[in-house]
Amino acid sequence: MAAAVEFREFTPIDSRRDLIRRIDQAPVEHAEAVLAAYDVLQCLHESGALALLRGLLSARKTVTSHVVDVVSSKEAVTGLRIALMFGTLLSWISMIRRNCTVDPLSLSLSKNSHALTLYRHI
């Protein structure tokens, strides 16, 4: 039969010392990245972004409720539909441009219509 594996539970006596030990054992090659991360964290703290995020997390039910109300409004649905139609239009224009070539012989300026023909379907 197989031998039972001993179960160990790690509970540090002082979690601050454990964190310091883990930082000290971190590879030296990542020291610059860790310092850059500390700088970013400090900038976020000074600008108040961390406090804002903490507030958003503590009021997540209220924020979620307001976001759902805004997204489900008639204006938001209309805006989303317009954005989808605009995206379809842009992909259609892109498809037409791929299928067209510039023909220097077909460049002509009509005096009557003032239209410049640049593309010709193949």
C-alpha atoms as a PDB file:
ATOM      1  CA  MET A   1       0.000   0.000   0.000  1.00  0.00           C
ATOM      2  CA  ALA A   2       0.970   3.600  -0.476  1.00  0.00           C
ATOM      3  CA  ALA A   3       2.322   5.611   2.411  1.00  0.00           C
ATOM      4  CA  ALA A   4       0.246   8.551   3.629  1.00  0.00           C
ATOM      5  CA  VAL A   5       1.557  11.992   2.775  1.00  0.00           C
ATOM      6  CA  GLU A   6       2.113  14.296   5.715  1.00  0.00           C
ATOM      7  CA  PHE A   7      -0.099  17.392   5.532  1.00  0.00           C
ATOM      8  CA  ARG A   8       1.596  20.653   6.447  1.00  0.00           C
ATOM      9  CA  GLU A   9      -0.113  23.943   6.942  1.00  0.00           C
ATOM     10  CA  PHE A  10       2.048  27.055   6.646  1.00  0.00           C
ATOM     11  CA  THR A  11       1.085  29.827   9.013  1.00  0.00           C
ATOM     12  CA  PRO A  12       3.754  32.513   9.254  1.00  0.00           C
ATOM     13  CA  ILE A  13       4.389  33.922  12.687  1.00  0.00           C
ATOM     14  CA  ASP A  14       4.789  37.427  11.290  1.00  0.00           C
ATOM     15  CA  SER A  15       3.278  37.930   7.840  1.00  0.00           C
ATOM     16  CA  ARG A  16       5.258  41.151   7.356  1.00  0.00           C
ATOM     17  CA  ARG A  17       8.524  39.266   7.864  1.00  0.00           C
ATOM     18  CA  ASP A  18       7.301  36.610   5.461  1.00  0.00           C
ATOM     19  CA  LEU A  19       6.602  39.261   2.813  1.00  0.00           C
ATOM     20  CA  ILE A  20      10.025  40.829   3.352  1.00  0.00           C
ATOM     21  CA  ARG A  21      11.620  37.391   3.056  1.00  0.00           C
ATOM     22  CA  ARG A  22       9.779  36.721  -0.211  1.00  0.00           C
ATOM     23  CA  ILE A  23      10.822  40.104  -1.641  1.00  0.00           C
ATOM     24  CA  ASP A  24      14.429  39.494  -0.615  1.00  0.00           C
ATOM     25  CA  GLN A  25      14.380  36.120  -2.327  1.00  0.00           C
ATOM     26  CA  ALA A  26      12.922  37.538  -5.544  1.00  0.00           C
ATOM     27  CA  PRO A  27      15.304  37.343  -8.501  1.00  0.00           C
ATOM     28  CA  VAL A  28      17.535  40.344  -8.972  1.00  0.00           C
ATOM     29  CA  GLU A  29      16.675  40.404 -12.671  1.00  0.00           C
ATOM     30  CA  HIS A  30      13.144  41.577 -11.820  1.00  0.00           C
ATOM     31  CA  ALA A  31      14.251  44.347  -9.474  1.00  0.00           C
ATOM     32  CA  GLU A  32      13.780  47.093 -12.072  1.00  0.00           C
ATOM     33  CA  ALA A  33      10.279  45.860 -12.901  1.00  0.00           C
ATOM     34  CA  VAL A  34       9.361  45.728  -9.200  1.00  0.00           C
ATOM     35  CA  LEU A  35      10.619  49.294  -8.688  1.00  0.00           C
ATOM     36  CA  ALA A  36       8.654  50.470 -11.750  1.00  0.00           C
ATOM     37  CA  ALA A  37       5.537  48.789 -10.342  1.00  0.00           C
ATOM     38  CA  TYR A  38       6.085  50.587  -7.024  1.00  0.00           C
ATOM     39  CA  ASP A  39       6.346  53.904  -8.911  1.00  0.00           C
ATOM     40  CA  VAL A  40       3.089  53.222 -10.764  1.00  0.00           C
ATOM     41  CA  LEU A  41       1.377  52.251  -7.520  1.00  0.00           C
ATOM     42  CA  GLN A  42       2.618  55.440  -5.849  1.00  0.00           C
ATOM     43  CA  CYS A  43       1.367  57.585  -8.752  1.00  0.00           C
ATOM     44  CA  LEU A  44      -2.039  55.890  -8.588  1.00  0.00           C
ATOM     45  CA  HIS A  45      -2.164  56.568  -4.852  1.00  0.00           C
ATOM     46  CA  GLU A  46      -1.179  60.234  -5.227  1.00  0.00           C
ATOM     47  CA  SER A  47      -3.727  60.851  -7.994  1.00  0.00           C
ATOM     48  CA  GLY A  48      -6.519  59.265  -5.958  1.00  0.00           C
ATOM     49  CA  ALA A  49      -7.169  56.489  -8.474  1.00  0.00           C
ATOM     50  CA  LEU A  50      -6.715  53.804  -5.826  1.00  0.00           C
ATOM     51  CA  ALA A  51      -9.271  55.487  -3.581  1.00  0.00           C
ATOM     52  CA  LEU A  52     -11.660  55.681  -6.522  1.00  0.00           C
ATOM     53  CA  LEU A  53     -11.202  51.978  -7.266  1.00  0.00           C
ATOM     54  CA  ARG A  54     -11.698  51.138  -3.594  1.00  0.00           C
ATOM     55  CA  GLY A  55     -14.924  53.151  -3.591  1.00  0.00           C
ATOM     56  CA  LEU A  56     -16.161  51.462  -6.764  1.00  0.00           C
ATOM     57  CA  LEU A  57     -15.459  48.049  -5.285  1.00  0.00           C
ATOM     58  CA  SER A  58     -17.245  48.844  -2.051  1.00  0.00           C
ATOM     59  CA  ALA A  59     -20.303  50.176  -3.911  1.00  0.00           C
ATOM     60  CA  ARG A  60     -20.331  47.562  -6.666  1.00  0.00           C
ATOM     61  CA  LYS A  61     -24.054  46.770  -6.331  1.00  0.00           C
ATOM     62  CA  THR A  62     -25.019  50.412  -6.722  1.00  0.00           C
ATOM     63  CA  VAL A  63     -22.569  50.938  -9.591  1.00  0.00           C
ATOM     64  CA  THR A  64     -23.806  47.800 -11.355  1.00  0.00           C
ATOM     65  CA  SER A  65     -27.402  48.951 -10.971  1.00  0.00           C
ATOM     66  CA  HIS A  66     -26.631  52.367 -12.492  1.00  0.00           C
ATOM     67  CA  VAL A  67     -24.613  50.857 -15.357  1.00  0.00           C
ATOM     68  CA  VAL A  68     -27.449  48.464 -16.207  1.00  0.00           C
ATOM     69  CA  ASP A  69     -29.934  51.353 -16.183  1.00  0.00           C
ATOM     70  CA  VAL A  70     -27.765  53.417 -18.522  1.00  0.00           C
ATOM     71  CA  VAL A  71     -26.961  50.562 -20.906  1.00  0.00           C
ATOM     72  CA  SER A  72     -30.576  49.459 -21.179  1.00  0.00           C
ATOM     73  CA  SER A  73     -31.836  52.971 -21.906  1.00  0.00           C
ATOM     74  CA  LYS A  74     -33.367  53.732 -25.292  1.00  0.00           C
ATOM     75  CA  GLU A  75     -30.551  56.112 -26.221  1.00  0.00           C
ATOM     76  CA  ALA A  76     -27.840  53.556 -25.478  1.00  0.00           C
ATOM     77  CA  VAL A  77     -29.590  50.882 -27.534  1.00  0.00           C
ATOM     78  CA  THR A  78     -29.966  53.329 -30.430  1.00  0.00           C
ATOM     79  CA  GLY A  79     -26.301  54.311 -30.154  1.00  0.00           C
ATOM     80  CA  LEU A  80     -25.248  50.671 -30.194  1.00  0.00           C
ATOM     81  CA  ARG A  81     -27.349  50.010 -33.283  1.00  0.00           C
ATOM     82  CA  ILE A  82     -25.813  53.010 -35.059  1.00  0.00           C
ATOM     83  CA  ALA A  83     -22.310  51.846 -34.095  1.00  0.00           C
ATOM     84  CA  LEU A  84     -23.035  48.366 -35.483  1.00  0.00           C
ATOM     85  CA  MET A  85     -24.370  49.829 -38.737  1.00  0.00           C
ATOM     86  CA  PHE A  86     -21.328  52.111 -39.011  1.00  0.00           C
ATOM     87  CA  GLY A  87     -18.998  49.150 -38.455  1.00  0.00           C
ATOM     88  CA  THR A  88     -20.810  47.170 -41.155  1.00  0.00           C
ATOM     89  CA  LEU A  89     -20.520  50.148 -43.501  1.00  0.00           C
ATOM     90  CA  LEU A  90     -16.784  50.454 -42.851  1.00  0.00           C
ATOM     91  CA  SER A  91     -16.205  46.755 -43.489  1.00  0.00           C
ATOM     92  CA  TRP A  92     -18.239  47.037 -46.695  1.00  0.00           C
ATOM     93  CA  ILE A  93     -16.147  50.006 -47.867  1.00  0.00           C
ATOM     94  CA  SER A  94     -12.974  48.109 -47.010  1.00  0.00           C
ATOM     95  CA  MET A  95     -14.181  45.139 -49.059  1.00  0.00           C
ATOM     96  CA  ILE A  96     -14.938  47.370 -52.047  1.00  0.00           C
ATOM     97  CA  ARG A  97     -11.505  49.008 -51.852  1.00  0.00           C
ATOM     98  CA  ARG A  98      -9.819  45.594 -51.813  1.00  0.00           C
ATOM     99  CA  ASN A  99     -11.705  44.582 -54.931  1.00  0.00           C
ATOM    100  CA  CYS A 100     -10.926  47.826 -56.783  1.00  0.00           C
ATOM    101  CA  THR A 101      -7.733  49.028 -58.366  1.00  0.00           C
ATOM    102  CA  VAL A 102      -6.537  52.462 -59.386  1.00  0.00           C
ATOM    103  CA  ASP A 103      -6.516  52.787 -63.152  1.00  0.00           C
ATOM    104  CA  PRO A 104      -4.561  55.872 -64.278  1.00  0.00           C
ATOM    105  CA  LEU A 105      -6.324  55.853 -67.664  1.00  0.00           C
ATOM    106  CA  SER A 106      -9.758  56.147 -66.055  1.00  0.00           C
ATOM    107  CA  LEU A 107      -8.884  59.310 -64.095  1.00  0.00           C
ATOM    108  CA  SER A 108     -11.082  61.942 -65.652  1.00  0.00           C
ATOM    109  CA  LEU A 109     -12.727  65.073 -64.367  1.00  0.00           C
ATOM    110  CA  SER A 110     -16.154  65.684 -65.836  1.00  0.00           C
ATOM    111  CA  LYS A 111     -17.061  69.352 -66.184  1.00  0.00           C
ATOM    112  CA  ASN A 112     -20.755  68.607 -65.815  1.00  0.00           C
ATOM    113  CA  SER A 113     -20.712  66.448 -62.684  1.00  0.00           C
ATOM    114  CA  HIS A 114     -17.402  67.574 -61.153  1.00  0.00           C
ATOM    115  CA  ALA A 115     -16.789  63.957 -60.163  1.00  0.00           C
ATOM    116  CA  LEU A 116     -13.355  62.407 -60.082  1.00  0.00           C
ATOM    117  CA  THR A 117     -13.439  58.723 -60.939  1.00  0.00           C
ATOM    118  CA  LEU A 118     -10.623  57.056 -58.986  1.00  0.00           C
ATOM    119  CA  TYR A 119     -11.649  53.441 -58.718  1.00  0.00           C
ATOM    120  CA  ARG A 120     -12.979  50.984 -61.227  1.00  0.00           C
ATOM    121  CA  HIS A 121     -14.448  47.587 -60.444  1.00  0.00           C
ATOM    122  CA  ILE A 122     -12.572  44.693 -61.968  1.00  0.00           C
END
